[in-house]
C-alpha atoms as a PDB file:
ATOM      1  CA  GLN A   1     -52.995 -45.993 -28.788  1.00  0.00           C
ATOM      2  CA  ALA A   2     -51.831 -49.377 -30.056  1.00  0.00           C
ATOM      3  CA  GLN A   3     -49.591 -51.358 -27.769  1.00  0.00           C
ATOM      4  CA  LEU A   4     -47.885 -54.733 -28.120  1.00  0.00           C
ATOM      5  CA  VAL A   5     -46.082 -56.219 -25.140  1.00  0.00           C
ATOM      6  CA  GLU A   6     -44.025 -59.394 -25.463  1.00  0.00           C
ATOM      7  CA  SER A   7     -42.984 -61.701 -22.651  1.00  0.00           C
ATOM      8  CA  GLY A   8     -41.618 -65.188 -22.119  1.00  0.00           C
ATOM      9  CA  GLY A   9     -38.067 -64.776 -23.325  1.00  0.00           C
ATOM     10  CA  ALA A  10     -35.386 -66.594 -21.355  1.00  0.00           C
ATOM     11  CA  SER A  11     -32.044 -68.313 -21.505  1.00  0.00           C
ATOM     12  CA  VAL A  12     -32.339 -72.091 -21.936  1.00  0.00           C
ATOM     13  CA  GLN A  13     -30.275 -75.014 -23.146  1.00  0.00           C
ATOM     14  CA  PRO A  14     -30.585 -76.485 -26.642  1.00  0.00           C
ATOM     15  CA  GLY A  15     -33.451 -78.895 -27.049  1.00  0.00           C
ATOM     16  CA  ASN A  16     -35.658 -77.146 -24.541  1.00  0.00           C
ATOM     17  CA  SER A  17     -38.908 -75.278 -25.150  1.00  0.00           C
ATOM     18  CA  LEU A  18     -40.194 -71.774 -24.563  1.00  0.00           C
ATOM     19  CA  ARG A  19     -43.510 -70.045 -25.110  1.00  0.00           C
ATOM     20  CA  LEU A  20     -43.557 -66.383 -26.015  1.00  0.00           C
ATOM     21  CA  SER A  21     -46.622 -64.226 -25.505  1.00  0.00           C
ATOM     22  CA  CYS A  22     -47.635 -60.882 -26.937  1.00  0.00           C
ATOM     23  CA  ILE A  23     -50.575 -58.956 -25.542  1.00  0.00           C
ATOM     24  CA  SER A  24     -51.966 -56.363 -27.931  1.00  0.00           C
ATOM     25  CA  SER A  25     -54.440 -53.562 -27.355  1.00  0.00           C
ATOM     26  CA  GLY A  26     -55.580 -50.213 -28.706  1.00  0.00           C
ATOM     27  CA  TYR A  27     -56.598 -51.220 -32.231  1.00  0.00           C
ATOM     28  CA  ASN A  28     -58.988 -53.497 -34.106  1.00  0.00           C
ATOM     29  CA  ASN A  29     -56.838 -56.556 -33.675  1.00  0.00           C
ATOM     30  CA  ARG A  30     -59.140 -58.916 -35.559  1.00  0.00           C
ATOM     31  CA  ALA A  31     -58.448 -56.924 -38.727  1.00  0.00           C
ATOM     32  CA  TYR A  32     -54.728 -57.406 -38.362  1.00  0.00           C
ATOM     33  CA  THR A  33     -52.452 -60.251 -39.324  1.00  0.00           C
ATOM     34  CA  MET A  34     -50.027 -60.899 -36.511  1.00  0.00           C
ATOM     35  CA  ALA A  35     -46.531 -62.245 -36.723  1.00  0.00           C
ATOM     36  CA  TRP A  36     -43.302 -62.955 -34.924  1.00  0.00           C
ATOM     37  CA  TYR A  37     -39.986 -61.679 -36.192  1.00  0.00           C
ATOM     38  CA  ARG A  38     -36.541 -62.067 -34.688  1.00  0.00           C
ATOM     39  CA  GLN A  39     -33.230 -60.315 -34.866  1.00  0.00           C
ATOM     40  CA  ALA A  40     -29.964 -61.972 -33.960  1.00  0.00           C
ATOM     41  CA  PRO A  41     -26.855 -59.937 -33.081  1.00  0.00           C
ATOM     42  CA  GLY A  42     -25.312 -58.438 -36.205  1.00  0.00           C
ATOM     43  CA  LYS A  43     -28.130 -59.648 -38.442  1.00  0.00           C
ATOM     44  CA  GLU A  44     -31.228 -58.138 -39.999  1.00  0.00           C
ATOM     45  CA  ARG A  45     -34.640 -58.741 -38.545  1.00  0.00           C
ATOM     46  CA  GLU A  46     -36.193 -61.839 -40.097  1.00  0.00           C
ATOM     47  CA  PHE A  47     -39.655 -63.297 -40.374  1.00  0.00           C
ATOM     48  CA  VAL A  48     -40.468 -66.249 -38.110  1.00  0.00           C
ATOM     49  CA  ALA A  49     -44.205 -66.964 -38.288  1.00  0.00           C
ATOM     50  CA  ARG A  50     -47.505 -65.306 -39.224  1.00  0.00           C
ATOM     51  CA  ILE A  51     -51.167 -65.912 -38.425  1.00  0.00           C
ATOM     52  CA  THR A  52     -54.231 -64.329 -40.010  1.00  0.00           C
ATOM     53  CA  GLY A  53     -56.806 -62.257 -38.150  1.00  0.00           C
ATOM     54  CA  THR A  54     -59.174 -65.192 -37.845  1.00  0.00           C
ATOM     55  CA  GLY A  55     -56.397 -67.553 -36.866  1.00  0.00           C
ATOM     56  CA  GLU A  56     -57.248 -69.875 -39.738  1.00  0.00           C
ATOM     57  CA  HIS A  57     -54.026 -69.599 -41.680  1.00  0.00           C
ATOM     58  CA  THR A  58     -50.414 -69.742 -40.543  1.00  0.00           C
ATOM     59  CA  THR A  59     -47.092 -69.367 -42.303  1.00  0.00           C
ATOM     60  CA  TYR A  60     -43.630 -70.261 -41.043  1.00  0.00           C
ATOM     61  CA  ALA A  61     -40.053 -69.616 -41.997  1.00  0.00           C
ATOM     62  CA  ASP A  62     -38.353 -72.782 -43.201  1.00  0.00           C
ATOM     63  CA  SER A  63     -35.873 -72.561 -40.342  1.00  0.00           C
ATOM     64  CA  VAL A  64     -38.589 -73.022 -37.699  1.00  0.00           C
ATOM     65  CA  LYS A  65     -41.156 -75.143 -39.535  1.00  0.00           C
ATOM     66  CA  GLY A  66     -42.065 -78.201 -37.494  1.00  0.00           C
ATOM     67  CA  ARG A  67     -40.552 -76.777 -34.306  1.00  0.00           C
ATOM     68  CA  PHE A  68     -42.466 -73.535 -33.715  1.00  0.00           C
ATOM     69  CA  THR A  69     -46.221 -73.022 -33.521  1.00  0.00           C
ATOM     70  CA  ILE A  70     -47.942 -69.644 -33.718  1.00  0.00           C
ATOM     71  CA  SER A  71     -51.421 -69.146 -32.284  1.00  0.00           C
ATOM     72  CA  ARG A  72     -53.663 -66.357 -31.072  1.00  0.00           C
ATOM     73  CA  ALA A  73     -56.421 -65.981 -28.528  1.00  0.00           C
ATOM     74  CA  ILE A  74     -59.026 -63.566 -29.865  1.00  0.00           C
ATOM     75  CA  ALA A  75     -60.575 -61.657 -27.023  1.00  0.00           C
ATOM     76  CA  GLU A  76     -60.754 -58.070 -25.927  1.00  0.00           C
ATOM     77  CA  ASN A  77     -56.995 -57.976 -26.000  1.00  0.00           C
ATOM     78  CA  THR A  78     -55.614 -60.414 -28.505  1.00  0.00           C
ATOM     79  CA  THR A  79     -52.804 -62.528 -27.141  1.00  0.00           C
ATOM     80  CA  LEU A  80     -50.356 -63.903 -29.665  1.00  0.00           C
ATOM     81  CA  TYR A  81     -48.277 -66.939 -28.782  1.00  0.00           C
ATOM     82  CA  LEU A  82     -45.201 -68.605 -30.160  1.00  0.00           C
ATOM     83  CA  GLN A  83     -44.548 -72.109 -28.874  1.00  0.00           C
ATOM     84  CA  MET A  84     -40.918 -72.919 -29.565  1.00  0.00           C
ATOM     85  CA  ASN A  85     -39.746 -76.524 -29.243  1.00  0.00           C
ATOM     86  CA  SER A  86     -36.425 -78.226 -29.934  1.00  0.00           C
ATOM     87  CA  LEU A  87     -34.636 -74.923 -29.582  1.00  0.00           C
ATOM     88  CA  LYS A  88     -31.241 -74.499 -31.225  1.00  0.00           C
ATOM     89  CA  PRO A  89     -28.419 -72.023 -30.599  1.00  0.00           C
ATOM     90  CA  GLU A  90     -29.261 -70.378 -33.919  1.00  0.00           C
ATOM     91  CA  ASP A  91     -32.671 -69.469 -32.503  1.00  0.00           C
ATOM     92  CA  THR A  92     -30.943 -66.990 -30.226  1.00  0.00           C
ATOM     93  CA  ALA A  93     -32.357 -63.541 -30.981  1.00  0.00           C
ATOM     94  CA  VAL A  94     -34.619 -60.790 -29.809  1.00  0.00           C
ATOM     95  CA  TYR A  95     -38.152 -61.815 -30.773  1.00  0.00           C
ATOM     96  CA  TYR A  96     -40.616 -59.139 -31.821  1.00  0.00           C
ATOM     97  CA  CYS A  97     -44.375 -59.207 -32.087  1.00  0.00           C
ATOM     98  CA  ASN A  98     -45.885 -57.481 -35.129  1.00  0.00           C
ATOM     99  CA  ALA A  99     -49.423 -56.511 -36.088  1.00  0.00           C
ATOM    100  CA  HIS A 100     -49.900 -55.722 -39.767  1.00  0.00           C
ATOM    101  CA  GLY A 101     -52.975 -54.087 -41.240  1.00  0.00           C
ATOM    102  CA  LEU A 102     -53.845 -50.498 -41.940  1.00  0.00           C
ATOM    103  CA  TYR A 103     -50.754 -49.732 -39.886  1.00  0.00           C
ATOM    104  CA  ASP A 104     -47.739 -51.677 -38.679  1.00  0.00           C
ATOM    105  CA  TYR A 105     -47.286 -52.056 -34.949  1.00  0.00           C
ATOM    106  CA  TRP A 106     -44.302 -53.542 -33.151  1.00  0.00           C
ATOM    107  CA  GLY A 107     -43.543 -54.618 -29.636  1.00  0.00           C
ATOM    108  CA  GLN A 108     -40.346 -53.855 -27.782  1.00  0.00           C
ATOM    109  CA  GLY A 109     -38.966 -57.392 -28.089  1.00  0.00           C
ATOM    110  CA  THR A 110     -38.068 -60.207 -25.726  1.00  0.00           C
ATOM    111  CA  GLN A 111     -34.652 -61.875 -25.569  1.00  0.00           C
ATOM    112  CA  VAL A 112     -34.304 -65.591 -26.258  1.00  0.00           C
ATOM    113  CA  THR A 113     -30.903 -67.134 -25.660  1.00  0.00           C
ATOM    114  CA  ILE A 114     -30.157 -70.766 -26.445  1.00  0.00           C
ATOM    115  CA  SER A 115     -26.852 -71.903 -25.040  1.00  0.00           C
ATOM    116  CA  SER A 116     -25.334 -74.879 -23.307  1.00  0.00           C
END
C-alpha cells in the first residue's frame, strides 16, 4: 500500500528557511514524478514544485522560483525534499507531497506558517 508522509512544517518568521521532507513507500517510486502542492486557508490547492523520477528535471511555480528547491533521494524509500528560503507570509499553507504516475498518491500534509 502506497504511503507518503510529510514532515518539517513549522511556524517561523518571514525571511527564515524551512526544509520539508516526504518519505514515500509501497510503490515503484522511480516511475513516479513527485511534487509539492500547498493549500492556504480559503484557497484551492496549488502547484509548488515538481521533480521527475530520475531527478533530472524540475519545475517551479513562479511564486517560489528562486526561493524554493525541490530534490529527491532515490533509495528503497524515496525521500522528497523542499528547501524553502526567504519565506514570506504568503507561503503560509498546508504543504502536500504528491506522487504522480499510474496512480496519484497524496500525503496528509504539513503546516507551514510564516508570521512575525
